[in-house]
Amino acid sequence: KQAIAAINEGNMEEFIRIVLVYYDKTYH
């Protein structure tokens, strides 16, 4: 929900930060 809200608001850095938490965990 937070990531989609950031996308709609045009806050791309915040969107990236949110999804990176998932991708970093997956990589680890």
mmCIF file of all heavy atoms, coordinates in Angstrom:
data_MODEL
# 
_entry.id   MODEL 
# 
loop_
_atom_site.group_PDB 
_atom_site.id 
_atom_site.type_symbol 
_atom_site.label_atom_id 
_atom_site.label_alt_id 
_atom_site.label_comp_id 
_atom_site.label_asym_id 
_atom_site.label_entity_id 
_atom_site.label_seq_id 
_atom_site.pdbx_PDB_ins_code 
_atom_site.Cartn_x 
_atom_site.Cartn_y 
_atom_site.Cartn_z 
_atom_site.occupancy 
_atom_site.B_iso_or_equiv 
_atom_site.pdbx_formal_charge 
_atom_site.auth_seq_id 
_atom_site.auth_comp_id 
_atom_site.auth_asym_id 
_atom_site.auth_atom_id 
_atom_site.pdbx_PDB_model_num 
ATOM 1   N N   . LYS A 1 1  ? 0.830  -1.207  0.000  1.00 0.00 ? 1  LYS A N   1 
ATOM 2   C CA  . LYS A 1 1  ? 0.000  0.000   0.000  1.00 0.00 ? 1  LYS A CA  1 
ATOM 3   C C   . LYS A 1 1  ? 0.867  1.260   0.000  1.00 0.00 ? 1  LYS A C   1 
ATOM 4   O O   . LYS A 1 1  ? 0.597  2.214   -0.732 1.00 0.00 ? 1  LYS A O   1 
ATOM 5   C CB  . LYS A 1 1  ? -0.926 -0.012  1.223  1.00 0.00 ? 1  LYS A CB  1 
ATOM 6   C CG  . LYS A 1 1  ? -1.907 1.146   1.268  1.00 0.00 ? 1  LYS A CG  1 
ATOM 7   C CD  . LYS A 1 1  ? -2.821 1.018   2.484  1.00 0.00 ? 1  LYS A CD  1 
ATOM 8   C CE  . LYS A 1 1  ? -3.800 2.192   2.554  1.00 0.00 ? 1  LYS A CE  1 
ATOM 9   N NZ  . LYS A 1 1  ? -4.706 2.068   3.735  1.00 0.00 ? 1  LYS A NZ  1 
ATOM 10  N N   . GLN A 1 2  ? 1.928  1.255   0.792  1.00 0.00 ? 2  GLN A N   1 
ATOM 11  C CA  . GLN A 1 2  ? 2.817  2.412   0.873  1.00 0.00 ? 2  GLN A CA  1 
ATOM 12  C C   . GLN A 1 2  ? 3.571  2.622   -0.450 1.00 0.00 ? 2  GLN A C   1 
ATOM 13  O O   . GLN A 1 2  ? 3.748  3.760   -0.903 1.00 0.00 ? 2  GLN A O   1 
ATOM 14  C CB  . GLN A 1 2  ? 3.811  2.224   2.016  1.00 0.00 ? 2  GLN A CB  1 
ATOM 15  C CG  . GLN A 1 2  ? 3.187  2.279   3.397  1.00 0.00 ? 2  GLN A CG  1 
ATOM 16  C CD  . GLN A 1 2  ? 4.166  1.908   4.506  1.00 0.00 ? 2  GLN A CD  1 
ATOM 17  O OE1 . GLN A 1 2  ? 5.203  1.269   4.246  1.00 0.00 ? 2  GLN A OE1 1 
ATOM 18  N NE2 . GLN A 1 2  ? 3.867  2.296   5.734  1.00 0.00 ? 2  GLN A NE2 1 
ATOM 19  N N   . ALA A 1 3  ? 3.998  1.522   -1.050 1.00 0.00 ? 3  ALA A N   1 
ATOM 20  C CA  . ALA A 1 3  ? 4.735  1.622   -2.310 1.00 0.00 ? 3  ALA A CA  1 
ATOM 21  C C   . ALA A 1 3  ? 3.856  2.181   -3.425 1.00 0.00 ? 3  ALA A C   1 
ATOM 22  O O   . ALA A 1 3  ? 4.284  3.053   -4.192 1.00 0.00 ? 3  ALA A O   1 
ATOM 23  C CB  . ALA A 1 3  ? 5.284  0.250   -2.705 1.00 0.00 ? 3  ALA A CB  1 
ATOM 24  N N   . ILE A 1 4  ? 2.617  1.697   -3.509 1.00 0.00 ? 4  ILE A N   1 
ATOM 25  C CA  . ILE A 1 4  ? 1.695  2.176   -4.546 1.00 0.00 ? 4  ILE A CA  1 
ATOM 26  C C   . ILE A 1 4  ? 1.346  3.643   -4.310 1.00 0.00 ? 4  ILE A C   1 
ATOM 27  O O   . ILE A 1 4  ? 1.248  4.438   -5.257 1.00 0.00 ? 4  ILE A O   1 
ATOM 28  C CB  . ILE A 1 4  ? 0.436  1.296   -4.587 1.00 0.00 ? 4  ILE A CB  1 
ATOM 29  C CG1 . ILE A 1 4  ? 0.803  -0.107  -5.105 1.00 0.00 ? 4  ILE A CG1 1 
ATOM 30  C CG2 . ILE A 1 4  ? -0.650 1.924   -5.461 1.00 0.00 ? 4  ILE A CG2 1 
ATOM 31  C CD1 . ILE A 1 4  ? -0.320 -1.100  -5.074 1.00 0.00 ? 4  ILE A CD1 1 
ATOM 32  N N   . ALA A 1 5  ? 1.192  4.025   -3.047 1.00 0.00 ? 5  ALA A N   1 
ATOM 33  C CA  . ALA A 1 5  ? 0.917  5.433   -2.728 1.00 0.00 ? 5  ALA A CA  1 
ATOM 34  C C   . ALA A 1 5  ? 2.084  6.313   -3.173 1.00 0.00 ? 5  ALA A C   1 
ATOM 35  O O   . ALA A 1 5  ? 1.883  7.400   -3.744 1.00 0.00 ? 5  ALA A O   1 
ATOM 36  C CB  . ALA A 1 5  ? 0.665  5.591   -1.236 1.00 0.00 ? 5  ALA A CB  1 
ATOM 37  N N   . ALA A 1 6  ? 3.304  5.850   -2.944 1.00 0.00 ? 6  ALA A N   1 
ATOM 38  C CA  . ALA A 1 6  ? 4.488  6.615   -3.350 1.00 0.00 ? 6  ALA A CA  1 
ATOM 39  C C   . ALA A 1 6  ? 4.546  6.753   -4.871 1.00 0.00 ? 6  ALA A C   1 
ATOM 40  O O   . ALA A 1 6  ? 4.908  7.817   -5.396 1.00 0.00 ? 6  ALA A O   1 
ATOM 41  C CB  . ALA A 1 6  ? 5.745  5.940   -2.818 1.00 0.00 ? 6  ALA A CB  1 
ATOM 42  N N   . ILE A 1 7  ? 4.161  5.689   -5.582 1.00 0.00 ? 7  ILE A N   1 
ATOM 43  C CA  . ILE A 1 7  ? 4.136  5.744   -7.054 1.00 0.00 ? 7  ILE A CA  1 
ATOM 44  C C   . ILE A 1 7  ? 3.149  6.810   -7.513 1.00 0.00 ? 7  ILE A C   1 
ATOM 45  O O   . ILE A 1 7  ? 3.465  7.663   -8.363 1.00 0.00 ? 7  ILE A O   1 
ATOM 46  C CB  . ILE A 1 7  ? 3.747  4.366   -7.649 1.00 0.00 ? 7  ILE A CB  1 
ATOM 47  C CG1 . ILE A 1 7  ? 4.846  3.340   -7.384 1.00 0.00 ? 7  ILE A CG1 1 
ATOM 48  C CG2 . ILE A 1 7  ? 3.486  4.492   -9.158 1.00 0.00 ? 7  ILE A CG2 1 
ATOM 49  C CD1 . ILE A 1 7  ? 4.443  1.916   -7.708 1.00 0.00 ? 7  ILE A CD1 1 
ATOM 50  N N   . ASN A 1 8  ? 1.950  6.774   -6.953 1.00 0.00 ? 8  ASN A N   1 
ATOM 51  C CA  . ASN A 1 8  ? 0.894  7.728   -7.348 1.00 0.00 ? 8  ASN A CA  1 
ATOM 52  C C   . ASN A 1 8  ? 1.264  9.172   -7.013 1.00 0.00 ? 8  ASN A C   1 
ATOM 53  O O   . ASN A 1 8  ? 0.857  10.108  -7.712 1.00 0.00 ? 8  ASN A O   1 
ATOM 54  C CB  . ASN A 1 8  ? -0.427 7.348   -6.688 1.00 0.00 ? 8  ASN A CB  1 
ATOM 55  C CG  . ASN A 1 8  ? -0.994 6.040   -7.223 1.00 0.00 ? 8  ASN A CG  1 
ATOM 56  O OD1 . ASN A 1 8  ? -0.755 5.694   -8.386 1.00 0.00 ? 8  ASN A OD1 1 
ATOM 57  N ND2 . ASN A 1 8  ? -1.716 5.310   -6.390 1.00 0.00 ? 8  ASN A ND2 1 
ATOM 58  N N   . GLU A 1 9  ? 2.040  9.348   -5.949 1.00 0.00 ? 9  GLU A N   1 
ATOM 59  C CA  . GLU A 1 9  ? 2.456  10.692  -5.547 1.00 0.00 ? 9  GLU A CA  1 
ATOM 60  C C   . GLU A 1 9  ? 3.686  11.169  -6.323 1.00 0.00 ? 9  GLU A C   1 
ATOM 61  O O   . GLU A 1 9  ? 4.093  12.334  -6.192 1.00 0.00 ? 9  GLU A O   1 
ATOM 62  C CB  . GLU A 1 9  ? 2.775  10.705  -4.048 1.00 0.00 ? 9  GLU A CB  1 
ATOM 63  C CG  . GLU A 1 9  ? 1.549  10.482  -3.163 1.00 0.00 ? 9  GLU A CG  1 
ATOM 64  C CD  . GLU A 1 9  ? 1.926  10.173  -1.721 1.00 0.00 ? 9  GLU A CD  1 
ATOM 65  O OE1 . GLU A 1 9  ? 3.153  10.211  -1.412 1.00 0.00 ? 9  GLU A OE1 1 
ATOM 66  O OE2 . GLU A 1 9  ? 1.025  9.874   -0.908 1.00 0.00 ? 9  GLU A OE2 1 
ATOM 67  N N   . GLY A 1 10 ? 4.266  10.252  -7.129 1.00 0.00 ? 10 GLY A N   1 
ATOM 68  C CA  . GLY A 1 10 ? 5.470  10.603  -7.876 1.00 0.00 ? 10 GLY A CA  1 
ATOM 69  C C   . GLY A 1 10 ? 6.725  10.609  -7.027 1.00 0.00 ? 10 GLY A C   1 
ATOM 70  O O   . GLY A 1 10 ? 7.763  11.135  -7.441 1.00 0.00 ? 10 GLY A O   1 
ATOM 71  N N   . ASN A 1 11 ? 6.637  10.019  -5.838 1.00 0.00 ? 11 ASN A N   1 
ATOM 72  C CA  . ASN A 1 11 ? 7.784  9.953   -4.938 1.00 0.00 ? 11 ASN A CA  1 
ATOM 73  C C   . ASN A 1 11 ? 8.543  8.652   -5.228 1.00 0.00 ? 11 ASN A C   1 
ATOM 74  O O   . ASN A 1 11 ? 8.446  7.665   -4.492 1.00 0.00 ? 11 ASN A O   1 
ATOM 75  C CB  . ASN A 1 11 ? 7.312  9.999   -3.487 1.00 0.00 ? 11 ASN A CB  1 
ATOM 76  C CG  . ASN A 1 11 ? 8.467  10.180  -2.504 1.00 0.00 ? 11 ASN A CG  1 
ATOM 77  O OD1 . ASN A 1 11 ? 9.633  10.037  -2.875 1.00 0.00 ? 11 ASN A OD1 1 
ATOM 78  N ND2 . ASN A 1 11 ? 8.136  10.498  -1.260 1.00 0.00 ? 11 ASN A ND2 1 
ATOM 79  N N   . MET A 1 12 ? 9.316  8.684   -6.297 1.00 0.00 ? 12 MET A N   1 
ATOM 80  C CA  . MET A 1 12 ? 9.957  7.462   -6.769 1.00 0.00 ? 12 MET A CA  1 
ATOM 81  C C   . MET A 1 12 ? 11.055 6.958   -5.826 1.00 0.00 ? 12 MET A C   1 
ATOM 82  O O   . MET A 1 12 ? 11.246 5.754   -5.690 1.00 0.00 ? 12 MET A O   1 
ATOM 83  C CB  . MET A 1 12 ? 10.539 7.690   -8.166 1.00 0.00 ? 12 MET A CB  1 
ATOM 84  C CG  . MET A 1 12 ? 9.474  7.834   -9.242 1.00 0.00 ? 12 MET A CG  1 
ATOM 85  S SD  . MET A 1 12 ? 8.420  6.358   -9.342 1.00 0.00 ? 12 MET A SD  1 
ATOM 86  C CE  . MET A 1 12 ? 6.808  7.100   -9.482 1.00 0.00 ? 12 MET A CE  1 
ATOM 87  N N   . GLU A 1 13 ? 11.756 7.852   -5.187 1.00 0.00 ? 13 GLU A N   1 
ATOM 88  C CA  . GLU A 1 13 ? 12.791 7.405   -4.252 1.00 0.00 ? 13 GLU A CA  1 
ATOM 89  C C   . GLU A 1 13 ? 12.184 6.618   -3.099 1.00 0.00 ? 13 GLU A C   1 
ATOM 90  O O   . GLU A 1 13 ? 12.716 5.593   -2.680 1.00 0.00 ? 13 GLU A O   1 
ATOM 91  C CB  . GLU A 1 13 ? 13.587 8.608   -3.727 1.00 0.00 ? 13 GLU A CB  1 
ATOM 92  C CG  . GLU A 1 13 ? 14.601 9.151   -4.715 1.00 0.00 ? 13 GLU A CG  1 
ATOM 93  C CD  . GLU A 1 13 ? 15.674 9.980   -4.033 1.00 0.00 ? 13 GLU A CD  1 
ATOM 94  O OE1 . GLU A 1 13 ? 15.696 10.022  -2.779 1.00 0.00 ? 13 GLU A OE1 1 
ATOM 95  O OE2 . GLU A 1 13 ? 16.497 10.565  -4.750 1.00 0.00 ? 13 GLU A OE2 1 
ATOM 96  N N   . GLU A 1 14 ? 11.042 7.076   -2.596 1.00 0.00 ? 14 GLU A N   1 
ATOM 97  C CA  . GLU A 1 14 ? 10.377 6.370   -1.503 1.00 0.00 ? 14 GLU A CA  1 
ATOM 98  C C   . GLU A 1 14 ? 9.879  5.012   -1.970 1.00 0.00 ? 14 GLU A C   1 
ATOM 99  O O   . GLU A 1 14 ? 9.995  4.006   -1.250 1.00 0.00 ? 14 GLU A O   1 
ATOM 100 C CB  . GLU A 1 14 ? 9.207  7.210   -0.972 1.00 0.00 ? 14 GLU A CB  1 
ATOM 101 C CG  . GLU A 1 14 ? 8.433  6.570   0.179  1.00 0.00 ? 14 GLU A CG  1 
ATOM 102 C CD  . GLU A 1 14 ? 9.293  6.334   1.425  1.00 0.00 ? 14 GLU A CD  1 
ATOM 103 O OE1 . GLU A 1 14 ? 10.385 6.949   1.533  1.00 0.00 ? 14 GLU A OE1 1 
ATOM 104 O OE2 . GLU A 1 14 ? 8.889  5.530   2.276  1.00 0.00 ? 14 GLU A OE2 1 
ATOM 105 N N   . PHE A 1 15 ? 9.328  4.961   -3.164 1.00 0.00 ? 15 PHE A N   1 
ATOM 106 C CA  . PHE A 1 15 ? 8.879  3.691   -3.748 1.00 0.00 ? 15 PHE A CA  1 
ATOM 107 C C   . PHE A 1 15 ? 10.049 2.715   -3.825 1.00 0.00 ? 15 PHE A C   1 
ATOM 108 O O   . PHE A 1 15 ? 9.927  1.538   -3.429 1.00 0.00 ? 15 PHE A O   1 
ATOM 109 C CB  . PHE A 1 15 ? 8.283  3.951   -5.136 1.00 0.00 ? 15 PHE A CB  1 
ATOM 110 C CG  . PHE A 1 15 ? 8.341  2.784   -6.077 1.00 0.00 ? 15 PHE A CG  1 
ATOM 111 C CD1 . PHE A 1 15 ? 7.637  1.617   -5.812 1.00 0.00 ? 15 PHE A CD1 1 
ATOM 112 C CD2 . PHE A 1 15 ? 9.112  2.854   -7.235 1.00 0.00 ? 15 PHE A CD2 1 
ATOM 113 C CE1 . PHE A 1 15 ? 7.705  0.528   -6.686 1.00 0.00 ? 15 PHE A CE1 1 
ATOM 114 C CE2 . PHE A 1 15 ? 9.176  1.781   -8.104 1.00 0.00 ? 15 PHE A CE2 1 
ATOM 115 C CZ  . PHE A 1 15 ? 8.477  0.616   -7.829 1.00 0.00 ? 15 PHE A CZ  1 
ATOM 116 N N   . ILE A 1 16 ? 11.192 3.178   -4.317 1.00 0.00 ? 16 ILE A N   1 
ATOM 117 C CA  . ILE A 1 16 ? 12.373 2.318   -4.446 1.00 0.00 ? 16 ILE A CA  1 
ATOM 118 C C   . ILE A 1 16 ? 12.829 1.815   -3.078 1.00 0.00 ? 16 ILE A C   1 
ATOM 119 O O   . ILE A 1 16 ? 13.133 0.632   -2.904 1.00 0.00 ? 16 ILE A O   1 
ATOM 120 C CB  . ILE A 1 16 ? 13.519 3.077   -5.142 1.00 0.00 ? 16 ILE A CB  1 
ATOM 121 C CG1 . ILE A 1 16 ? 13.151 3.413   -6.591 1.00 0.00 ? 16 ILE A CG1 1 
ATOM 122 C CG2 . ILE A 1 16 ? 14.816 2.276   -5.076 1.00 0.00 ? 16 ILE A CG2 1 
ATOM 123 C CD1 . ILE A 1 16 ? 12.973 2.224   -7.491 1.00 0.00 ? 16 ILE A CD1 1 
ATOM 124 N N   . ARG A 1 17 ? 12.859 2.690   -2.091 1.00 0.00 ? 17 ARG A N   1 
ATOM 125 C CA  . ARG A 1 17 ? 13.295 2.290   -0.750 1.00 0.00 ? 17 ARG A CA  1 
ATOM 126 C C   . ARG A 1 17 ? 12.414 1.181   -0.185 1.00 0.00 ? 17 ARG A C   1 
ATOM 127 O O   . ARG A 1 17 ? 12.902 0.241   0.449  1.00 0.00 ? 17 ARG A O   1 
ATOM 128 C CB  . ARG A 1 17 ? 13.272 3.489   0.192  1.00 0.00 ? 17 ARG A CB  1 
ATOM 129 C CG  . ARG A 1 17 ? 14.338 4.527   -0.092 1.00 0.00 ? 17 ARG A CG  1 
ATOM 130 C CD  . ARG A 1 17 ? 14.201 5.692   0.893  1.00 0.00 ? 17 ARG A CD  1 
ATOM 131 N NE  . ARG A 1 17 ? 15.021 6.810   0.469  1.00 0.00 ? 17 ARG A NE  1 
ATOM 132 C CZ  . ARG A 1 17 ? 16.322 6.908   0.686  1.00 0.00 ? 17 ARG A CZ  1 
ATOM 133 N NH1 . ARG A 1 17 ? 16.936 5.936   1.361  1.00 0.00 ? 17 ARG A NH1 1 
ATOM 134 N NH2 . ARG A 1 17 ? 17.002 7.951   0.269  1.00 0.00 ? 17 ARG A NH2 1 
ATOM 135 N N   . ILE A 1 18 ? 11.122 1.299   -0.399 1.00 0.00 ? 18 ILE A N   1 
ATOM 136 C CA  . ILE A 1 18 ? 10.177 0.317   0.158  1.00 0.00 ? 18 ILE A CA  1 
ATOM 137 C C   . ILE A 1 18 ? 10.394 -1.062  -0.471 1.00 0.00 ? 18 ILE A C   1 
ATOM 138 O O   . ILE A 1 18 ? 10.503 -2.073  0.237  1.00 0.00 ? 18 ILE A O   1 
ATOM 139 C CB  . ILE A 1 18 ? 8.729  0.790   -0.042 1.00 0.00 ? 18 ILE A CB  1 
ATOM 140 C CG1 . ILE A 1 18 ? 8.465  2.048   0.789  1.00 0.00 ? 18 ILE A CG1 1 
ATOM 141 C CG2 . ILE A 1 18 ? 7.740  -0.321  0.341  1.00 0.00 ? 18 ILE A CG2 1 
ATOM 142 C CD1 . ILE A 1 18 ? 7.149  2.740   0.457  1.00 0.00 ? 18 ILE A CD1 1 
ATOM 143 N N   . VAL A 1 19 ? 10.460 -1.111  -1.812 1.00 0.00 ? 19 VAL A N   1 
ATOM 144 C CA  . VAL A 1 19 ? 10.585 -2.423  -2.464 1.00 0.00 ? 19 VAL A CA  1 
ATOM 145 C C   . VAL A 1 19 ? 11.986 -3.011  -2.287 1.00 0.00 ? 19 VAL A C   1 
ATOM 146 O O   . VAL A 1 19 ? 12.152 -4.237  -2.321 1.00 0.00 ? 19 VAL A O   1 
ATOM 147 C CB  . VAL A 1 19 ? 10.207 -2.353  -3.965 1.00 0.00 ? 19 VAL A CB  1 
ATOM 148 C CG1 . VAL A 1 19 ? 8.749  -1.962  -4.127 1.00 0.00 ? 19 VAL A CG1 1 
ATOM 149 C CG2 . VAL A 1 19 ? 11.104 -1.409  -4.729 1.00 0.00 ? 19 VAL A CG2 1 
ATOM 150 N N   . LEU A 1 20 ? 12.989 -2.147  -2.053 1.00 0.00 ? 20 LEU A N   1 
ATOM 151 C CA  . LEU A 1 20 ? 14.340 -2.668  -1.850 1.00 0.00 ? 20 LEU A CA  1 
ATOM 152 C C   . LEU A 1 20 ? 14.437 -3.507  -0.585 1.00 0.00 ? 20 LEU A C   1 
ATOM 153 O O   . LEU A 1 20 ? 15.265 -4.422  -0.512 1.00 0.00 ? 20 LEU A O   1 
ATOM 154 C CB  . LEU A 1 20 ? 15.352 -1.523  -1.788 1.00 0.00 ? 20 LEU A CB  1 
ATOM 155 C CG  . LEU A 1 20 ? 15.953 -1.058  -3.118 1.00 0.00 ? 20 LEU A CG  1 
ATOM 156 C CD1 . LEU A 1 20 ? 17.018 0.007   -2.882 1.00 0.00 ? 20 LEU A CD1 1 
ATOM 157 C CD2 . LEU A 1 20 ? 16.534 -2.229  -3.906 1.00 0.00 ? 20 LEU A CD2 1 
ATOM 158 N N   . VAL A 1 21 ? 13.615 -3.207  0.404  1.00 0.00 ? 21 VAL A N   1 
ATOM 159 C CA  . VAL A 1 21 ? 13.621 -4.006  1.635  1.00 0.00 ? 21 VAL A CA  1 
ATOM 160 C C   . VAL A 1 21 ? 13.334 -5.467  1.295  1.00 0.00 ? 21 VAL A C   1 
ATOM 161 O O   . VAL A 1 21 ? 14.016 -6.390  1.766  1.00 0.00 ? 21 VAL A O   1 
ATOM 162 C CB  . VAL A 1 21 ? 12.581 -3.479  2.648  1.00 0.00 ? 21 VAL A CB  1 
ATOM 163 C CG1 . VAL A 1 21 ? 12.478 -4.434  3.848  1.00 0.00 ? 21 VAL A CG1 1 
ATOM 164 C CG2 . VAL A 1 21 ? 12.948 -2.074  3.109  1.00 0.00 ? 21 VAL A CG2 1 
ATOM 165 N N   . TYR A 1 22 ? 12.347 -5.685  0.426  1.00 0.00 ? 22 TYR A N   1 
ATOM 166 C CA  . TYR A 1 22 ? 12.002 -7.041  0.004  1.00 0.00 ? 22 TYR A CA  1 
ATOM 167 C C   . TYR A 1 22 ? 13.124 -7.663  -0.823 1.00 0.00 ? 22 TYR A C   1 
ATOM 168 O O   . TYR A 1 22 ? 13.571 -8.796  -0.570 1.00 0.00 ? 22 TYR A O   1 
ATOM 169 C CB  . TYR A 1 22 ? 10.692 -7.043  -0.793 1.00 0.00 ? 22 TYR A CB  1 
ATOM 170 C CG  . TYR A 1 22 ? 10.541 -8.238  -1.693 1.00 0.00 ? 22 TYR A CG  1 
ATOM 171 C CD1 . TYR A 1 22 ? 10.398 -9.524  -1.165 1.00 0.00 ? 22 TYR A CD1 1 
ATOM 172 C CD2 . TYR A 1 22 ? 10.589 -8.092  -3.078 1.00 0.00 ? 22 TYR A CD2 1 
ATOM 173 C CE1 . TYR A 1 22 ? 10.286 -10.630 -1.995 1.00 0.00 ? 22 TYR A CE1 1 
ATOM 174 C CE2 . TYR A 1 22 ? 10.474 -9.191  -3.907 1.00 0.00 ? 22 TYR A CE2 1 
ATOM 175 C CZ  . TYR A 1 22 ? 10.323 -10.456 -3.373 1.00 0.00 ? 22 TYR A CZ  1 
ATOM 176 O OH  . TYR A 1 22 ? 10.221 -11.547 -4.189 1.00 0.00 ? 22 TYR A OH  1 
ATOM 177 N N   . TYR A 1 23 ? 13.615 -6.921  -1.824 1.00 0.00 ? 23 TYR A N   1 
ATOM 178 C CA  . TYR A 1 23 ? 14.623 -7.478  -2.718 1.00 0.00 ? 23 TYR A CA  1 
ATOM 179 C C   . TYR A 1 23 ? 15.945 -7.732  -1.993 1.00 0.00 ? 23 TYR A C   1 
ATOM 180 O O   . TYR A 1 23 ? 16.646 -8.707  -2.286 1.00 0.00 ? 23 TYR A O   1 
ATOM 181 C CB  . TYR A 1 23 ? 14.831 -6.566  -3.932 1.00 0.00 ? 23 TYR A CB  1 
ATOM 182 C CG  . TYR A 1 23 ? 13.731 -6.749  -4.965 1.00 0.00 ? 23 TYR A CG  1 
ATOM 183 C CD1 . TYR A 1 23 ? 12.772 -5.770  -5.178 1.00 0.00 ? 23 TYR A CD1 1 
ATOM 184 C CD2 . TYR A 1 23 ? 13.642 -7.926  -5.697 1.00 0.00 ? 23 TYR A CD2 1 
ATOM 185 C CE1 . TYR A 1 23 ? 11.760 -5.945  -6.099 1.00 0.00 ? 23 TYR A CE1 1 
ATOM 186 C CE2 . TYR A 1 23 ? 12.632 -8.126  -6.627 1.00 0.00 ? 23 TYR A CE2 1 
ATOM 187 C CZ  . TYR A 1 23 ? 11.693 -7.131  -6.827 1.00 0.00 ? 23 TYR A CZ  1 
ATOM 188 O OH  . TYR A 1 23 ? 10.687 -7.323  -7.733 1.00 0.00 ? 23 TYR A OH  1 
ATOM 189 N N   . ASP A 1 24 ? 16.281 -6.901  -1.027 1.00 0.00 ? 24 ASP A N   1 
ATOM 190 C CA  . ASP A 1 24 ? 17.507 -7.123  -0.247 1.00 0.00 ? 24 ASP A CA  1 
ATOM 191 C C   . ASP A 1 24 ? 17.390 -8.384  0.603  1.00 0.00 ? 24 ASP A C   1 
ATOM 192 O O   . ASP A 1 24 ? 18.349 -9.159  0.731  1.00 0.00 ? 24 ASP A O   1 
ATOM 193 C CB  . ASP A 1 24 ? 17.808 -5.913  0.637  1.00 0.00 ? 24 ASP A CB  1 
ATOM 194 C CG  . ASP A 1 24 ? 18.373 -4.739  -0.153 1.00 0.00 ? 24 ASP A CG  1 
ATOM 195 O OD1 . ASP A 1 24 ? 18.551 -4.883  -1.378 1.00 0.00 ? 24 ASP A OD1 1 
ATOM 196 O OD2 . ASP A 1 24 ? 18.623 -3.672  0.450  1.00 0.00 ? 24 ASP A OD2 1 
ATOM 197 N N   . LYS A 1 25 ? 16.217 -8.595  1.194  1.00 0.00 ? 25 LYS A N   1 
ATOM 198 C CA  . LYS A 1 25 ? 16.000 -9.809  1.991  1.00 0.00 ? 25 LYS A CA  1 
ATOM 199 C C   . LYS A 1 25 ? 16.105 -11.050 1.114  1.00 0.00 ? 25 LYS A C   1 
ATOM 200 O O   . LYS A 1 25 ? 16.696 -12.061 1.505  1.00 0.00 ? 25 LYS A O   1 
ATOM 201 C CB  . LYS A 1 25 ? 14.627 -9.759  2.667  1.00 0.00 ? 25 LYS A CB  1 
ATOM 202 C CG  . LYS A 1 25 ? 14.533 -8.804  3.852  1.00 0.00 ? 25 LYS A CG  1 
ATOM 203 C CD  . LYS A 1 25 ? 13.142 -8.867  4.465  1.00 0.00 ? 25 LYS A CD  1 
ATOM 204 C CE  . LYS A 1 25 ? 13.029 -7.942  5.665  1.00 0.00 ? 25 LYS A CE  1 
ATOM 205 N NZ  . LYS A 1 25 ? 11.656 -7.957  6.251  1.00 0.00 ? 25 LYS A NZ  1 
ATOM 206 N N   . THR A 1 26 ? 15.528 -10.967 -0.077 1.00 0.00 ? 26 THR A N   1 
ATOM 207 C CA  . THR A 1 26 ? 15.567 -12.101 -1.002 1.00 0.00 ? 26 THR A CA  1 
ATOM 208 C C   . THR A 1 26 ? 17.000 -12.418 -1.411 1.00 0.00 ? 26 THR A C   1 
ATOM 209 O O   . THR A 1 26 ? 17.411 -13.579 -1.451 1.00 0.00 ? 26 THR A O   1 
ATOM 210 C CB  . THR A 1 26 ? 14.727 -11.794 -2.261 1.00 0.00 ? 26 THR A CB  1 
ATOM 211 O OG1 . THR A 1 26 ? 13.374 -11.547 -1.876 1.00 0.00 ? 26 THR A OG1 1 
ATOM 212 C CG2 . THR A 1 26 ? 14.760 -12.961 -3.240 1.00 0.00 ? 26 THR A CG2 1 
ATOM 213 N N   . TYR A 1 27 ? 17.776 -11.375 -1.696 1.00 0.00 ? 27 TYR A N   1 
ATOM 214 C CA  . TYR A 1 27 ? 19.174 -11.577 -2.091 1.00 0.00 ? 27 TYR A CA  1 
ATOM 215 C C   . TYR A 1 27 ? 19.962 -12.225 -0.945 1.00 0.00 ? 27 TYR A C   1 
ATOM 216 O O   . TYR A 1 27 ? 20.735 -13.162 -1.161 1.00 0.00 ? 27 TYR A O   1 
ATOM 217 C CB  . TYR A 1 27 ? 19.822 -10.248 -2.488 1.00 0.00 ? 27 TYR A CB  1 
ATOM 218 C CG  . TYR A 1 27 ? 21.287 -10.397 -2.841 1.00 0.00 ? 27 TYR A CG  1 
ATOM 219 C CD1 . TYR A 1 27 ? 21.667 -10.970 -4.047 1.00 0.00 ? 27 TYR A CD1 1 
ATOM 220 C CD2 . TYR A 1 27 ? 22.284 -9.990  -1.947 1.00 0.00 ? 27 TYR A CD2 1 
ATOM 221 C CE1 . TYR A 1 27 ? 23.009 -11.139 -4.362 1.00 0.00 ? 27 TYR A CE1 1 
ATOM 222 C CE2 . TYR A 1 27 ? 23.622 -10.154 -2.252 1.00 0.00 ? 27 TYR A CE2 1 
ATOM 223 C CZ  . TYR A 1 27 ? 23.979 -10.724 -3.469 1.00 0.00 ? 27 TYR A CZ  1 
ATOM 224 O OH  . TYR A 1 27 ? 25.303 -10.898 -3.776 1.00 0.00 ? 27 TYR A OH  1 
ATOM 225 N N   . HIS A 1 28 ? 19.763 -11.722 0.267  1.00 0.00 ? 28 HIS A N   1 
ATOM 226 C CA  . HIS A 1 28 ? 20.466 -12.260 1.426  1.00 0.00 ? 28 HIS A CA  1 
ATOM 227 C C   . HIS A 1 28 ? 20.101 -13.735 1.638  1.00 0.00 ? 28 HIS A C   1 
ATOM 228 O O   . HIS A 1 28 ? 20.977 -14.565 1.950  1.00 0.00 ? 28 HIS A O   1 
ATOM 229 C CB  . HIS A 1 28 ? 20.115 -11.458 2.678  1.00 0.00 ? 28 HIS A CB  1 
ATOM 230 C CG  . HIS A 1 28 ? 20.840 -11.907 3.916  1.00 0.00 ? 28 HIS A CG  1 
ATOM 231 N ND1 . HIS A 1 28 ? 22.187 -11.683 4.125  1.00 0.00 ? 28 HIS A ND1 1 
ATOM 232 C CD2 . HIS A 1 28 ? 20.393 -12.599 5.015  1.00 0.00 ? 28 HIS A CD2 1 
ATOM 233 C CE1 . HIS A 1 28 ? 22.545 -12.206 5.274  1.00 0.00 ? 28 HIS A CE1 1 
ATOM 234 N NE2 . HIS A 1 28 ? 21.487 -12.765 5.835  1.00 0.00 ? 28 HIS A NE2 1 
# 
